[in-house]
């Protein structure tokens, strides 16, 4: 809530890591 702009970037890294797992790499 307090830093949504920063959290967007951290969550983008989370999305990248999740994509590595979901695509099997």
PDBML (XML) file of the C-alpha atoms, coordinates in Angstrom:
<?xml version="1.0" encoding="UTF-8" ?>
<PDBx:datablock datablockName="MODEL"
   xmlns:PDBx="http://pdbml.pdb.org/schema/pdbx-v50.xsd"
   xmlns:xsi="http://www.w3.org/2001/XMLSchema-instance"
   xsi:schemaLocation="http://pdbml.pdb.org/schema/pdbx-v50.xsd pdbx-v50.xsd">
   <PDBx:atom_siteCategory>
      <PDBx:atom_site id="1">
         <PDBx:B_iso_or_equiv>0.00</PDBx:B_iso_or_equiv>
         <PDBx:Cartn_x>0.000</PDBx:Cartn_x>
         <PDBx:Cartn_y>0.000</PDBx:Cartn_y>
         <PDBx:Cartn_z>0.000</PDBx:Cartn_z>
         <PDBx:auth_asym_id>A</PDBx:auth_asym_id>
         <PDBx:auth_atom_id>CA</PDBx:auth_atom_id>
         <PDBx:auth_comp_id>UNK</PDBx:auth_comp_id>
         <PDBx:auth_seq_id>1</PDBx:auth_seq_id>
         <PDBx:group_PDB>ATOM</PDBx:group_PDB>
         <PDBx:label_alt_id xsi:nil="true" />
         <PDBx:label_asym_id>A</PDBx:label_asym_id>
         <PDBx:label_atom_id>CA</PDBx:label_atom_id>
         <PDBx:label_comp_id>UNK</PDBx:label_comp_id>
         <PDBx:label_entity_id>1</PDBx:label_entity_id>
         <PDBx:label_seq_id>1</PDBx:label_seq_id>
         <PDBx:occupancy>1.00</PDBx:occupancy>
         <PDBx:pdbx_PDB_model_num>1</PDBx:pdbx_PDB_model_num>
         <PDBx:type_symbol>C</PDBx:type_symbol>
      </PDBx:atom_site>
      <PDBx:atom_site id="2">
         <PDBx:B_iso_or_equiv>0.00</PDBx:B_iso_or_equiv>
         <PDBx:Cartn_x>2.731</PDBx:Cartn_x>
         <PDBx:Cartn_y>2.481</PDBx:Cartn_y>
         <PDBx:Cartn_z>0.963</PDBx:Cartn_z>
         <PDBx:auth_asym_id>A</PDBx:auth_asym_id>
         <PDBx:auth_atom_id>CA</PDBx:auth_atom_id>
         <PDBx:auth_comp_id>UNK</PDBx:auth_comp_id>
         <PDBx:auth_seq_id>2</PDBx:auth_seq_id>
         <PDBx:group_PDB>ATOM</PDBx:group_PDB>
         <PDBx:label_alt_id xsi:nil="true" />
         <PDBx:label_asym_id>A</PDBx:label_asym_id>
         <PDBx:label_atom_id>CA</PDBx:label_atom_id>
         <PDBx:label_comp_id>UNK</PDBx:label_comp_id>
         <PDBx:label_entity_id>1</PDBx:label_entity_id>
         <PDBx:label_seq_id>2</PDBx:label_seq_id>
         <PDBx:occupancy>1.00</PDBx:occupancy>
         <PDBx:pdbx_PDB_model_num>1</PDBx:pdbx_PDB_model_num>
         <PDBx:type_symbol>C</PDBx:type_symbol>
      </PDBx:atom_site>
      <PDBx:atom_site id="3">
         <PDBx:B_iso_or_equiv>0.00</PDBx:B_iso_or_equiv>
         <PDBx:Cartn_x>5.044</PDBx:Cartn_x>
         <PDBx:Cartn_y>1.938</PDBx:Cartn_y>
         <PDBx:Cartn_z>-2.019</PDBx:Cartn_z>
         <PDBx:auth_asym_id>A</PDBx:auth_asym_id>
         <PDBx:auth_atom_id>CA</PDBx:auth_atom_id>
         <PDBx:auth_comp_id>UNK</PDBx:auth_comp_id>
         <PDBx:auth_seq_id>3</PDBx:auth_seq_id>
         <PDBx:group_PDB>ATOM</PDBx:group_PDB>
         <PDBx:label_alt_id xsi:nil="true" />
         <PDBx:label_asym_id>A</PDBx:label_asym_id>
         <PDBx:label_atom_id>CA</PDBx:label_atom_id>
         <PDBx:label_comp_id>UNK</PDBx:label_comp_id>
         <PDBx:label_entity_id>1</PDBx:label_entity_id>
         <PDBx:label_seq_id>3</PDBx:label_seq_id>
         <PDBx:occupancy>1.00</PDBx:occupancy>
         <PDBx:pdbx_PDB_model_num>1</PDBx:pdbx_PDB_model_num>
         <PDBx:type_symbol>C</PDBx:type_symbol>
      </PDBx:atom_site>
      <PDBx:atom_site id="4">
         <PDBx:B_iso_or_equiv>0.00</PDBx:B_iso_or_equiv>
         <PDBx:Cartn_x>3.035</PDBx:Cartn_x>
         <PDBx:Cartn_y>0.442</PDBx:Cartn_y>
         <PDBx:Cartn_z>-4.878</PDBx:Cartn_z>
         <PDBx:auth_asym_id>A</PDBx:auth_asym_id>
         <PDBx:auth_atom_id>CA</PDBx:auth_atom_id>
         <PDBx:auth_comp_id>UNK</PDBx:auth_comp_id>
         <PDBx:auth_seq_id>4</PDBx:auth_seq_id>
         <PDBx:group_PDB>ATOM</PDBx:group_PDB>
         <PDBx:label_alt_id xsi:nil="true" />
         <PDBx:label_asym_id>A</PDBx:label_asym_id>
         <PDBx:label_atom_id>CA</PDBx:label_atom_id>
         <PDBx:label_comp_id>UNK</PDBx:label_comp_id>
         <PDBx:label_entity_id>1</PDBx:label_entity_id>
         <PDBx:label_seq_id>4</PDBx:label_seq_id>
         <PDBx:occupancy>1.00</PDBx:occupancy>
         <PDBx:pdbx_PDB_model_num>1</PDBx:pdbx_PDB_model_num>
         <PDBx:type_symbol>C</PDBx:type_symbol>
      </PDBx:atom_site>
      <PDBx:atom_site id="5">
         <PDBx:B_iso_or_equiv>0.00</PDBx:B_iso_or_equiv>
         <PDBx:Cartn_x>5.436</PDBx:Cartn_x>
         <PDBx:Cartn_y>1.807</PDBx:Cartn_y>
         <PDBx:Cartn_z>-7.506</PDBx:Cartn_z>
         <PDBx:auth_asym_id>A</PDBx:auth_asym_id>
         <PDBx:auth_atom_id>CA</PDBx:auth_atom_id>
         <PDBx:auth_comp_id>UNK</PDBx:auth_comp_id>
         <PDBx:auth_seq_id>5</PDBx:auth_seq_id>
         <PDBx:group_PDB>ATOM</PDBx:group_PDB>
         <PDBx:label_alt_id xsi:nil="true" />
         <PDBx:label_asym_id>A</PDBx:label_asym_id>
         <PDBx:label_atom_id>CA</PDBx:label_atom_id>
         <PDBx:label_comp_id>UNK</PDBx:label_comp_id>
         <PDBx:label_entity_id>1</PDBx:label_entity_id>
         <PDBx:label_seq_id>5</PDBx:label_seq_id>
         <PDBx:occupancy>1.00</PDBx:occupancy>
         <PDBx:pdbx_PDB_model_num>1</PDBx:pdbx_PDB_model_num>
         <PDBx:type_symbol>C</PDBx:type_symbol>
      </PDBx:atom_site>
      <PDBx:atom_site id="6">
         <PDBx:B_iso_or_equiv>0.00</PDBx:B_iso_or_equiv>
         <PDBx:Cartn_x>8.353</PDBx:Cartn_x>
         <PDBx:Cartn_y>-0.051</PDBx:Cartn_y>
         <PDBx:Cartn_z>-5.940</PDBx:Cartn_z>
         <PDBx:auth_asym_id>A</PDBx:auth_asym_id>
         <PDBx:auth_atom_id>CA</PDBx:auth_atom_id>
         <PDBx:auth_comp_id>UNK</PDBx:auth_comp_id>
         <PDBx:auth_seq_id>6</PDBx:auth_seq_id>
         <PDBx:group_PDB>ATOM</PDBx:group_PDB>
         <PDBx:label_alt_id xsi:nil="true" />
         <PDBx:label_asym_id>A</PDBx:label_asym_id>
         <PDBx:label_atom_id>CA</PDBx:label_atom_id>
         <PDBx:label_comp_id>UNK</PDBx:label_comp_id>
         <PDBx:label_entity_id>1</PDBx:label_entity_id>
         <PDBx:label_seq_id>6</PDBx:label_seq_id>
         <PDBx:occupancy>1.00</PDBx:occupancy>
         <PDBx:pdbx_PDB_model_num>1</PDBx:pdbx_PDB_model_num>
         <PDBx:type_symbol>C</PDBx:type_symbol>
      </PDBx:atom_site>
      <PDBx:atom_site id="7">
         <PDBx:B_iso_or_equiv>0.00</PDBx:B_iso_or_equiv>
         <PDBx:Cartn_x>6.340</PDBx:Cartn_x>
         <PDBx:Cartn_y>-3.212</PDBx:Cartn_y>
         <PDBx:Cartn_z>-5.426</PDBx:Cartn_z>
         <PDBx:auth_asym_id>A</PDBx:auth_asym_id>
         <PDBx:auth_atom_id>CA</PDBx:auth_atom_id>
         <PDBx:auth_comp_id>UNK</PDBx:auth_comp_id>
         <PDBx:auth_seq_id>7</PDBx:auth_seq_id>
         <PDBx:group_PDB>ATOM</PDBx:group_PDB>
         <PDBx:label_alt_id xsi:nil="true" />
         <PDBx:label_asym_id>A</PDBx:label_asym_id>
         <PDBx:label_atom_id>CA</PDBx:label_atom_id>
         <PDBx:label_comp_id>UNK</PDBx:label_comp_id>
         <PDBx:label_entity_id>1</PDBx:label_entity_id>
         <PDBx:label_seq_id>7</PDBx:label_seq_id>
         <PDBx:occupancy>1.00</PDBx:occupancy>
         <PDBx:pdbx_PDB_model_num>1</PDBx:pdbx_PDB_model_num>
         <PDBx:type_symbol>C</PDBx:type_symbol>
      </PDBx:atom_site>
      <PDBx:atom_site id="8">
         <PDBx:B_iso_or_equiv>0.00</PDBx:B_iso_or_equiv>
         <PDBx:Cartn_x>5.480</PDBx:Cartn_x>
         <PDBx:Cartn_y>-3.299</PDBx:Cartn_y>
         <PDBx:Cartn_z>-9.145</PDBx:Cartn_z>
         <PDBx:auth_asym_id>A</PDBx:auth_asym_id>
         <PDBx:auth_atom_id>CA</PDBx:auth_atom_id>
         <PDBx:auth_comp_id>UNK</PDBx:auth_comp_id>
         <PDBx:auth_seq_id>8</PDBx:auth_seq_id>
         <PDBx:group_PDB>ATOM</PDBx:group_PDB>
         <PDBx:label_alt_id xsi:nil="true" />
         <PDBx:label_asym_id>A</PDBx:label_asym_id>
         <PDBx:label_atom_id>CA</PDBx:label_atom_id>
         <PDBx:label_comp_id>UNK</PDBx:label_comp_id>
         <PDBx:label_entity_id>1</PDBx:label_entity_id>
         <PDBx:label_seq_id>8</PDBx:label_seq_id>
         <PDBx:occupancy>1.00</PDBx:occupancy>
         <PDBx:pdbx_PDB_model_num>1</PDBx:pdbx_PDB_model_num>
         <PDBx:type_symbol>C</PDBx:type_symbol>
      </PDBx:atom_site>
      <PDBx:atom_site id="9">
         <PDBx:B_iso_or_equiv>0.00</PDBx:B_iso_or_equiv>
         <PDBx:Cartn_x>9.182</PDBx:Cartn_x>
         <PDBx:Cartn_y>-3.852</PDBx:Cartn_y>
         <PDBx:Cartn_z>-9.873</PDBx:Cartn_z>
         <PDBx:auth_asym_id>A</PDBx:auth_asym_id>
         <PDBx:auth_atom_id>CA</PDBx:auth_atom_id>
         <PDBx:auth_comp_id>UNK</PDBx:auth_comp_id>
         <PDBx:auth_seq_id>9</PDBx:auth_seq_id>
         <PDBx:group_PDB>ATOM</PDBx:group_PDB>
         <PDBx:label_alt_id xsi:nil="true" />
         <PDBx:label_asym_id>A</PDBx:label_asym_id>
         <PDBx:label_atom_id>CA</PDBx:label_atom_id>
         <PDBx:label_comp_id>UNK</PDBx:label_comp_id>
         <PDBx:label_entity_id>1</PDBx:label_entity_id>
         <PDBx:label_seq_id>9</PDBx:label_seq_id>
         <PDBx:occupancy>1.00</PDBx:occupancy>
         <PDBx:pdbx_PDB_model_num>1</PDBx:pdbx_PDB_model_num>
         <PDBx:type_symbol>C</PDBx:type_symbol>
      </PDBx:atom_site>
      <PDBx:atom_site id="10">
         <PDBx:B_iso_or_equiv>0.00</PDBx:B_iso_or_equiv>
         <PDBx:Cartn_x>9.673</PDBx:Cartn_x>
         <PDBx:Cartn_y>-6.506</PDBx:Cartn_y>
         <PDBx:Cartn_z>-7.217</PDBx:Cartn_z>
         <PDBx:auth_asym_id>A</PDBx:auth_asym_id>
         <PDBx:auth_atom_id>CA</PDBx:auth_atom_id>
         <PDBx:auth_comp_id>UNK</PDBx:auth_comp_id>
         <PDBx:auth_seq_id>10</PDBx:auth_seq_id>
         <PDBx:group_PDB>ATOM</PDBx:group_PDB>
         <PDBx:label_alt_id xsi:nil="true" />
         <PDBx:label_asym_id>A</PDBx:label_asym_id>
         <PDBx:label_atom_id>CA</PDBx:label_atom_id>
         <PDBx:label_comp_id>UNK</PDBx:label_comp_id>
         <PDBx:label_entity_id>1</PDBx:label_entity_id>
         <PDBx:label_seq_id>10</PDBx:label_seq_id>
         <PDBx:occupancy>1.00</PDBx:occupancy>
         <PDBx:pdbx_PDB_model_num>1</PDBx:pdbx_PDB_model_num>
         <PDBx:type_symbol>C</PDBx:type_symbol>
      </PDBx:atom_site>
      <PDBx:atom_site id="11">
         <PDBx:B_iso_or_equiv>0.00</PDBx:B_iso_or_equiv>
         <PDBx:Cartn_x>6.559</PDBx:Cartn_x>
         <PDBx:Cartn_y>-8.306</PDBx:Cartn_y>
         <PDBx:Cartn_z>-8.415</PDBx:Cartn_z>
         <PDBx:auth_asym_id>A</PDBx:auth_asym_id>
         <PDBx:auth_atom_id>CA</PDBx:auth_atom_id>
         <PDBx:auth_comp_id>UNK</PDBx:auth_comp_id>
         <PDBx:auth_seq_id>11</PDBx:auth_seq_id>
         <PDBx:group_PDB>ATOM</PDBx:group_PDB>
         <PDBx:label_alt_id xsi:nil="true" />
         <PDBx:label_asym_id>A</PDBx:label_asym_id>
         <PDBx:label_atom_id>CA</PDBx:label_atom_id>
         <PDBx:label_comp_id>UNK</PDBx:label_comp_id>
         <PDBx:label_entity_id>1</PDBx:label_entity_id>
         <PDBx:label_seq_id>11</PDBx:label_seq_id>
         <PDBx:occupancy>1.00</PDBx:occupancy>
         <PDBx:pdbx_PDB_model_num>1</PDBx:pdbx_PDB_model_num>
         <PDBx:type_symbol>C</PDBx:type_symbol>
      </PDBx:atom_site>
      <PDBx:atom_site id="12">
         <PDBx:B_iso_or_equiv>0.00</PDBx:B_iso_or_equiv>
         <PDBx:Cartn_x>7.888</PDBx:Cartn_x>
         <PDBx:Cartn_y>-8.141</PDBx:Cartn_y>
         <PDBx:Cartn_z>-11.987</PDBx:Cartn_z>
         <PDBx:auth_asym_id>A</PDBx:auth_asym_id>
         <PDBx:auth_atom_id>CA</PDBx:auth_atom_id>
         <PDBx:auth_comp_id>UNK</PDBx:auth_comp_id>
         <PDBx:auth_seq_id>12</PDBx:auth_seq_id>
         <PDBx:group_PDB>ATOM</PDBx:group_PDB>
         <PDBx:label_alt_id xsi:nil="true" />
         <PDBx:label_asym_id>A</PDBx:label_asym_id>
         <PDBx:label_atom_id>CA</PDBx:label_atom_id>
         <PDBx:label_comp_id>UNK</PDBx:label_comp_id>
         <PDBx:label_entity_id>1</PDBx:label_entity_id>
         <PDBx:label_seq_id>12</PDBx:label_seq_id>
         <PDBx:occupancy>1.00</PDBx:occupancy>
         <PDBx:pdbx_PDB_model_num>1</PDBx:pdbx_PDB_model_num>
         <PDBx:type_symbol>C</PDBx:type_symbol>
      </PDBx:atom_site>
      <PDBx:atom_site id="13">
         <PDBx:B_iso_or_equiv>0.00</PDBx:B_iso_or_equiv>
         <PDBx:Cartn_x>10.922</PDBx:Cartn_x>
         <PDBx:Cartn_y>-10.116</PDBx:Cartn_y>
         <PDBx:Cartn_z>-10.773</PDBx:Cartn_z>
         <PDBx:auth_asym_id>A</PDBx:auth_asym_id>
         <PDBx:auth_atom_id>CA</PDBx:auth_atom_id>
         <PDBx:auth_comp_id>UNK</PDBx:auth_comp_id>
         <PDBx:auth_seq_id>13</PDBx:auth_seq_id>
         <PDBx:group_PDB>ATOM</PDBx:group_PDB>
         <PDBx:label_alt_id xsi:nil="true" />
         <PDBx:label_asym_id>A</PDBx:label_asym_id>
         <PDBx:label_atom_id>CA</PDBx:label_atom_id>
         <PDBx:label_comp_id>UNK</PDBx:label_comp_id>
         <PDBx:label_entity_id>1</PDBx:label_entity_id>
         <PDBx:label_seq_id>13</PDBx:label_seq_id>
         <PDBx:occupancy>1.00</PDBx:occupancy>
         <PDBx:pdbx_PDB_model_num>1</PDBx:pdbx_PDB_model_num>
         <PDBx:type_symbol>C</PDBx:type_symbol>
      </PDBx:atom_site>
      <PDBx:atom_site id="14">
         <PDBx:B_iso_or_equiv>0.00</PDBx:B_iso_or_equiv>
         <PDBx:Cartn_x>8.541</PDBx:Cartn_x>
         <PDBx:Cartn_y>-12.565</PDBx:Cartn_y>
         <PDBx:Cartn_z>-9.052</PDBx:Cartn_z>
         <PDBx:auth_asym_id>A</PDBx:auth_asym_id>
         <PDBx:auth_atom_id>CA</PDBx:auth_atom_id>
         <PDBx:auth_comp_id>UNK</PDBx:auth_comp_id>
         <PDBx:auth_seq_id>14</PDBx:auth_seq_id>
         <PDBx:group_PDB>ATOM</PDBx:group_PDB>
         <PDBx:label_alt_id xsi:nil="true" />
         <PDBx:label_asym_id>A</PDBx:label_asym_id>
         <PDBx:label_atom_id>CA</PDBx:label_atom_id>
         <PDBx:label_comp_id>UNK</PDBx:label_comp_id>
         <PDBx:label_entity_id>1</PDBx:label_entity_id>
         <PDBx:label_seq_id>14</PDBx:label_seq_id>
         <PDBx:occupancy>1.00</PDBx:occupancy>
         <PDBx:pdbx_PDB_model_num>1</PDBx:pdbx_PDB_model_num>
         <PDBx:type_symbol>C</PDBx:type_symbol>
      </PDBx:atom_site>
      <PDBx:atom_site id="15">
         <PDBx:B_iso_or_equiv>0.00</PDBx:B_iso_or_equiv>
         <PDBx:Cartn_x>6.682</PDBx:Cartn_x>
         <PDBx:Cartn_y>-12.951</PDBx:Cartn_y>
         <PDBx:Cartn_z>-12.332</PDBx:Cartn_z>
         <PDBx:auth_asym_id>A</PDBx:auth_asym_id>
         <PDBx:auth_atom_id>CA</PDBx:auth_atom_id>
         <PDBx:auth_comp_id>UNK</PDBx:auth_comp_id>
         <PDBx:auth_seq_id>15</PDBx:auth_seq_id>
         <PDBx:group_PDB>ATOM</PDBx:group_PDB>
         <PDBx:label_alt_id xsi:nil="true" />
         <PDBx:label_asym_id>A</PDBx:label_asym_id>
         <PDBx:label_atom_id>CA</PDBx:label_atom_id>
         <PDBx:label_comp_id>UNK</PDBx:label_comp_id>
         <PDBx:label_entity_id>1</PDBx:label_entity_id>
         <PDBx:label_seq_id>15</PDBx:label_seq_id>
         <PDBx:occupancy>1.00</PDBx:occupancy>
         <PDBx:pdbx_PDB_model_num>1</PDBx:pdbx_PDB_model_num>
         <PDBx:type_symbol>C</PDBx:type_symbol>
      </PDBx:atom_site>
      <PDBx:atom_site id="16">
         <PDBx:B_iso_or_equiv>0.00</PDBx:B_iso_or_equiv>
         <PDBx:Cartn_x>9.987</PDBx:Cartn_x>
         <PDBx:Cartn_y>-13.652</PDBx:Cartn_y>
         <PDBx:Cartn_z>-14.118</PDBx:Cartn_z>
         <PDBx:auth_asym_id>A</PDBx:auth_asym_id>
         <PDBx:auth_atom_id>CA</PDBx:auth_atom_id>
         <PDBx:auth_comp_id>UNK</PDBx:auth_comp_id>
         <PDBx:auth_seq_id>16</PDBx:auth_seq_id>
         <PDBx:group_PDB>ATOM</PDBx:group_PDB>
         <PDBx:label_alt_id xsi:nil="true" />
         <PDBx:label_asym_id>A</PDBx:label_asym_id>
         <PDBx:label_atom_id>CA</PDBx:label_atom_id>
         <PDBx:label_comp_id>UNK</PDBx:label_comp_id>
         <PDBx:label_entity_id>1</PDBx:label_entity_id>
         <PDBx:label_seq_id>16</PDBx:label_seq_id>
         <PDBx:occupancy>1.00</PDBx:occupancy>
         <PDBx:pdbx_PDB_model_num>1</PDBx:pdbx_PDB_model_num>
         <PDBx:type_symbol>C</PDBx:type_symbol>
      </PDBx:atom_site>
      <PDBx:atom_site id="17">
         <PDBx:B_iso_or_equiv>0.00</PDBx:B_iso_or_equiv>
         <PDBx:Cartn_x>10.938</PDBx:Cartn_x>
         <PDBx:Cartn_y>-16.326</PDBx:Cartn_y>
         <PDBx:Cartn_z>-11.569</PDBx:Cartn_z>
         <PDBx:auth_asym_id>A</PDBx:auth_asym_id>
         <PDBx:auth_atom_id>CA</PDBx:auth_atom_id>
         <PDBx:auth_comp_id>UNK</PDBx:auth_comp_id>
         <PDBx:auth_seq_id>17</PDBx:auth_seq_id>
         <PDBx:group_PDB>ATOM</PDBx:group_PDB>
         <PDBx:label_alt_id xsi:nil="true" />
         <PDBx:label_asym_id>A</PDBx:label_asym_id>
         <PDBx:label_atom_id>CA</PDBx:label_atom_id>
         <PDBx:label_comp_id>UNK</PDBx:label_comp_id>
         <PDBx:label_entity_id>1</PDBx:label_entity_id>
         <PDBx:label_seq_id>17</PDBx:label_seq_id>
         <PDBx:occupancy>1.00</PDBx:occupancy>
         <PDBx:pdbx_PDB_model_num>1</PDBx:pdbx_PDB_model_num>
         <PDBx:type_symbol>C</PDBx:type_symbol>
      </PDBx:atom_site>
      <PDBx:atom_site id="18">
         <PDBx:B_iso_or_equiv>0.00</PDBx:B_iso_or_equiv>
         <PDBx:Cartn_x>7.474</PDBx:Cartn_x>
         <PDBx:Cartn_y>-17.908</PDBx:Cartn_y>
         <PDBx:Cartn_z>-11.792</PDBx:Cartn_z>
         <PDBx:auth_asym_id>A</PDBx:auth_asym_id>
         <PDBx:auth_atom_id>CA</PDBx:auth_atom_id>
         <PDBx:auth_comp_id>UNK</PDBx:auth_comp_id>
         <PDBx:auth_seq_id>18</PDBx:auth_seq_id>
         <PDBx:group_PDB>ATOM</PDBx:group_PDB>
         <PDBx:label_alt_id xsi:nil="true" />
         <PDBx:label_asym_id>A</PDBx:label_asym_id>
         <PDBx:label_atom_id>CA</PDBx:label_atom_id>
         <PDBx:label_comp_id>UNK</PDBx:label_comp_id>
         <PDBx:label_entity_id>1</PDBx:label_entity_id>
         <PDBx:label_seq_id>18</PDBx:label_seq_id>
         <PDBx:occupancy>1.00</PDBx:occupancy>
         <PDBx:pdbx_PDB_model_num>1</PDBx:pdbx_PDB_model_num>
         <PDBx:type_symbol>C</PDBx:type_symbol>
      </PDBx:atom_site>
      <PDBx:atom_site id="19">
         <PDBx:B_iso_or_equiv>0.00</PDBx:B_iso_or_equiv>
         <PDBx:Cartn_x>7.783</PDBx:Cartn_x>
         <PDBx:Cartn_y>-17.948</PDBx:Cartn_y>
         <PDBx:Cartn_z>-15.590</PDBx:Cartn_z>
         <PDBx:auth_asym_id>A</PDBx:auth_asym_id>
         <PDBx:auth_atom_id>CA</PDBx:auth_atom_id>
         <PDBx:auth_comp_id>UNK</PDBx:auth_comp_id>
         <PDBx:auth_seq_id>19</PDBx:auth_seq_id>
         <PDBx:group_PDB>ATOM</PDBx:group_PDB>
         <PDBx:label_alt_id xsi:nil="true" />
         <PDBx:label_asym_id>A</PDBx:label_asym_id>
         <PDBx:label_atom_id>CA</PDBx:label_atom_id>
         <PDBx:label_comp_id>UNK</PDBx:label_comp_id>
         <PDBx:label_entity_id>1</PDBx:label_entity_id>
         <PDBx:label_seq_id>19</PDBx:label_seq_id>
         <PDBx:occupancy>1.00</PDBx:occupancy>
         <PDBx:pdbx_PDB_model_num>1</PDBx:pdbx_PDB_model_num>
         <PDBx:type_symbol>C</PDBx:type_symbol>
      </PDBx:atom_site>
      <PDBx:atom_site id="20">
         <PDBx:B_iso_or_equiv>0.00</PDBx:B_iso_or_equiv>
         <PDBx:Cartn_x>11.061</PDBx:Cartn_x>
         <PDBx:Cartn_y>-19.884</PDBx:Cartn_y>
         <PDBx:Cartn_z>-15.304</PDBx:Cartn_z>
         <PDBx:auth_asym_id>A</PDBx:auth_asym_id>
         <PDBx:auth_atom_id>CA</PDBx:auth_atom_id>
         <PDBx:auth_comp_id>UNK</PDBx:auth_comp_id>
         <PDBx:auth_seq_id>20</PDBx:auth_seq_id>
         <PDBx:group_PDB>ATOM</PDBx:group_PDB>
         <PDBx:label_alt_id xsi:nil="true" />
         <PDBx:label_asym_id>A</PDBx:label_asym_id>
         <PDBx:label_atom_id>CA</PDBx:label_atom_id>
         <PDBx:label_comp_id>UNK</PDBx:label_comp_id>
         <PDBx:label_entity_id>1</PDBx:label_entity_id>
         <PDBx:label_seq_id>20</PDBx:label_seq_id>
         <PDBx:occupancy>1.00</PDBx:occupancy>
         <PDBx:pdbx_PDB_model_num>1</PDBx:pdbx_PDB_model_num>
         <PDBx:type_symbol>C</PDBx:type_symbol>
      </PDBx:atom_site>
      <PDBx:atom_site id="21">
         <PDBx:B_iso_or_equiv>0.00</PDBx:B_iso_or_equiv>
         <PDBx:Cartn_x>9.262</PDBx:Cartn_x>
         <PDBx:Cartn_y>-22.508</PDBx:Cartn_y>
         <PDBx:Cartn_z>-13.262</PDBx:Cartn_z>
         <PDBx:auth_asym_id>A</PDBx:auth_asym_id>
         <PDBx:auth_atom_id>CA</PDBx:auth_atom_id>
         <PDBx:auth_comp_id>UNK</PDBx:auth_comp_id>
         <PDBx:auth_seq_id>21</PDBx:auth_seq_id>
         <PDBx:group_PDB>ATOM</PDBx:group_PDB>
         <PDBx:label_alt_id xsi:nil="true" />
         <PDBx:label_asym_id>A</PDBx:label_asym_id>
         <PDBx:label_atom_id>CA</PDBx:label_atom_id>
         <PDBx:label_comp_id>UNK</PDBx:label_comp_id>
         <PDBx:label_entity_id>1</PDBx:label_entity_id>
         <PDBx:label_seq_id>21</PDBx:label_seq_id>
         <PDBx:occupancy>1.00</PDBx:occupancy>
         <PDBx:pdbx_PDB_model_num>1</PDBx:pdbx_PDB_model_num>
         <PDBx:type_symbol>C</PDBx:type_symbol>
      </PDBx:atom_site>
      <PDBx:atom_site id="22">
         <PDBx:B_iso_or_equiv>0.00</PDBx:B_iso_or_equiv>
         <PDBx:Cartn_x>6.131</PDBx:Cartn_x>
         <PDBx:Cartn_y>-22.649</PDBx:Cartn_y>
         <PDBx:Cartn_z>-15.409</PDBx:Cartn_z>
         <PDBx:auth_asym_id>A</PDBx:auth_asym_id>
         <PDBx:auth_atom_id>CA</PDBx:auth_atom_id>
         <PDBx:auth_comp_id>UNK</PDBx:auth_comp_id>
         <PDBx:auth_seq_id>22</PDBx:auth_seq_id>
         <PDBx:group_PDB>ATOM</PDBx:group_PDB>
         <PDBx:label_alt_id xsi:nil="true" />
         <PDBx:label_asym_id>A</PDBx:label_asym_id>
         <PDBx:label_atom_id>CA</PDBx:label_atom_id>
         <PDBx:label_comp_id>UNK</PDBx:label_comp_id>
         <PDBx:label_entity_id>1</PDBx:label_entity_id>
         <PDBx:label_seq_id>22</PDBx:label_seq_id>
         <PDBx:occupancy>1.00</PDBx:occupancy>
         <PDBx:pdbx_PDB_model_num>1</PDBx:pdbx_PDB_model_num>
         <PDBx:type_symbol>C</PDBx:type_symbol>
      </PDBx:atom_site>
      <PDBx:atom_site id="23">
         <PDBx:B_iso_or_equiv>0.00</PDBx:B_iso_or_equiv>
         <PDBx:Cartn_x>8.081</PDBx:Cartn_x>
         <PDBx:Cartn_y>-22.992</PDBx:Cartn_y>
         <PDBx:Cartn_z>-18.664</PDBx:Cartn_z>
         <PDBx:auth_asym_id>A</PDBx:auth_asym_id>
         <PDBx:auth_atom_id>CA</PDBx:auth_atom_id>
         <PDBx:auth_comp_id>UNK</PDBx:auth_comp_id>
         <PDBx:auth_seq_id>23</PDBx:auth_seq_id>
         <PDBx:group_PDB>ATOM</PDBx:group_PDB>
         <PDBx:label_alt_id xsi:nil="true" />
         <PDBx:label_asym_id>A</PDBx:label_asym_id>
         <PDBx:label_atom_id>CA</PDBx:label_atom_id>
         <PDBx:label_comp_id>UNK</PDBx:label_comp_id>
         <PDBx:label_entity_id>1</PDBx:label_entity_id>
         <PDBx:label_seq_id>23</PDBx:label_seq_id>
         <PDBx:occupancy>1.00</PDBx:occupancy>
         <PDBx:pdbx_PDB_model_num>1</PDBx:pdbx_PDB_model_num>
         <PDBx:type_symbol>C</PDBx:type_symbol>
      </PDBx:atom_site>
      <PDBx:atom_site id="24">
         <PDBx:B_iso_or_equiv>0.00</PDBx:B_iso_or_equiv>
         <PDBx:Cartn_x>10.206</PDBx:Cartn_x>
         <PDBx:Cartn_y>-25.765</PDBx:Cartn_y>
         <PDBx:Cartn_z>-17.176</PDBx:Cartn_z>
         <PDBx:auth_asym_id>A</PDBx:auth_asym_id>
         <PDBx:auth_atom_id>CA</PDBx:auth_atom_id>
         <PDBx:auth_comp_id>UNK</PDBx:auth_comp_id>
         <PDBx:auth_seq_id>24</PDBx:auth_seq_id>
         <PDBx:group_PDB>ATOM</PDBx:group_PDB>
         <PDBx:label_alt_id xsi:nil="true" />
         <PDBx:label_asym_id>A</PDBx:label_asym_id>
         <PDBx:label_atom_id>CA</PDBx:label_atom_id>
         <PDBx:label_comp_id>UNK</PDBx:label_comp_id>
         <PDBx:label_entity_id>1</PDBx:label_entity_id>
         <PDBx:label_seq_id>24</PDBx:label_seq_id>
         <PDBx:occupancy>1.00</PDBx:occupancy>
         <PDBx:pdbx_PDB_model_num>1</PDBx:pdbx_PDB_model_num>
         <PDBx:type_symbol>C</PDBx:type_symbol>
      </PDBx:atom_site>
      <PDBx:atom_site id="25">
         <PDBx:B_iso_or_equiv>0.00</PDBx:B_iso_or_equiv>
         <PDBx:Cartn_x>13.567</PDBx:Cartn_x>
         <PDBx:Cartn_y>-24.014</PDBx:Cartn_y>
         <PDBx:Cartn_z>-17.268</PDBx:Cartn_z>
         <PDBx:auth_asym_id>A</PDBx:auth_asym_id>
         <PDBx:auth_atom_id>CA</PDBx:auth_atom_id>
         <PDBx:auth_comp_id>UNK</PDBx:auth_comp_id>
         <PDBx:auth_seq_id>25</PDBx:auth_seq_id>
         <PDBx:group_PDB>ATOM</PDBx:group_PDB>
         <PDBx:label_alt_id xsi:nil="true" />
         <PDBx:label_asym_id>A</PDBx:label_asym_id>
         <PDBx:label_atom_id>CA</PDBx:label_atom_id>
         <PDBx:label_comp_id>UNK</PDBx:label_comp_id>
         <PDBx:label_entity_id>1</PDBx:label_entity_id>
         <PDBx:label_seq_id>25</PDBx:label_seq_id>
         <PDBx:occupancy>1.00</PDBx:occupancy>
         <PDBx:pdbx_PDB_model_num>1</PDBx:pdbx_PDB_model_num>
         <PDBx:type_symbol>C</PDBx:type_symbol>
      </PDBx:atom_site>
   </PDBx:atom_siteCategory>
</PDBx:datablock>
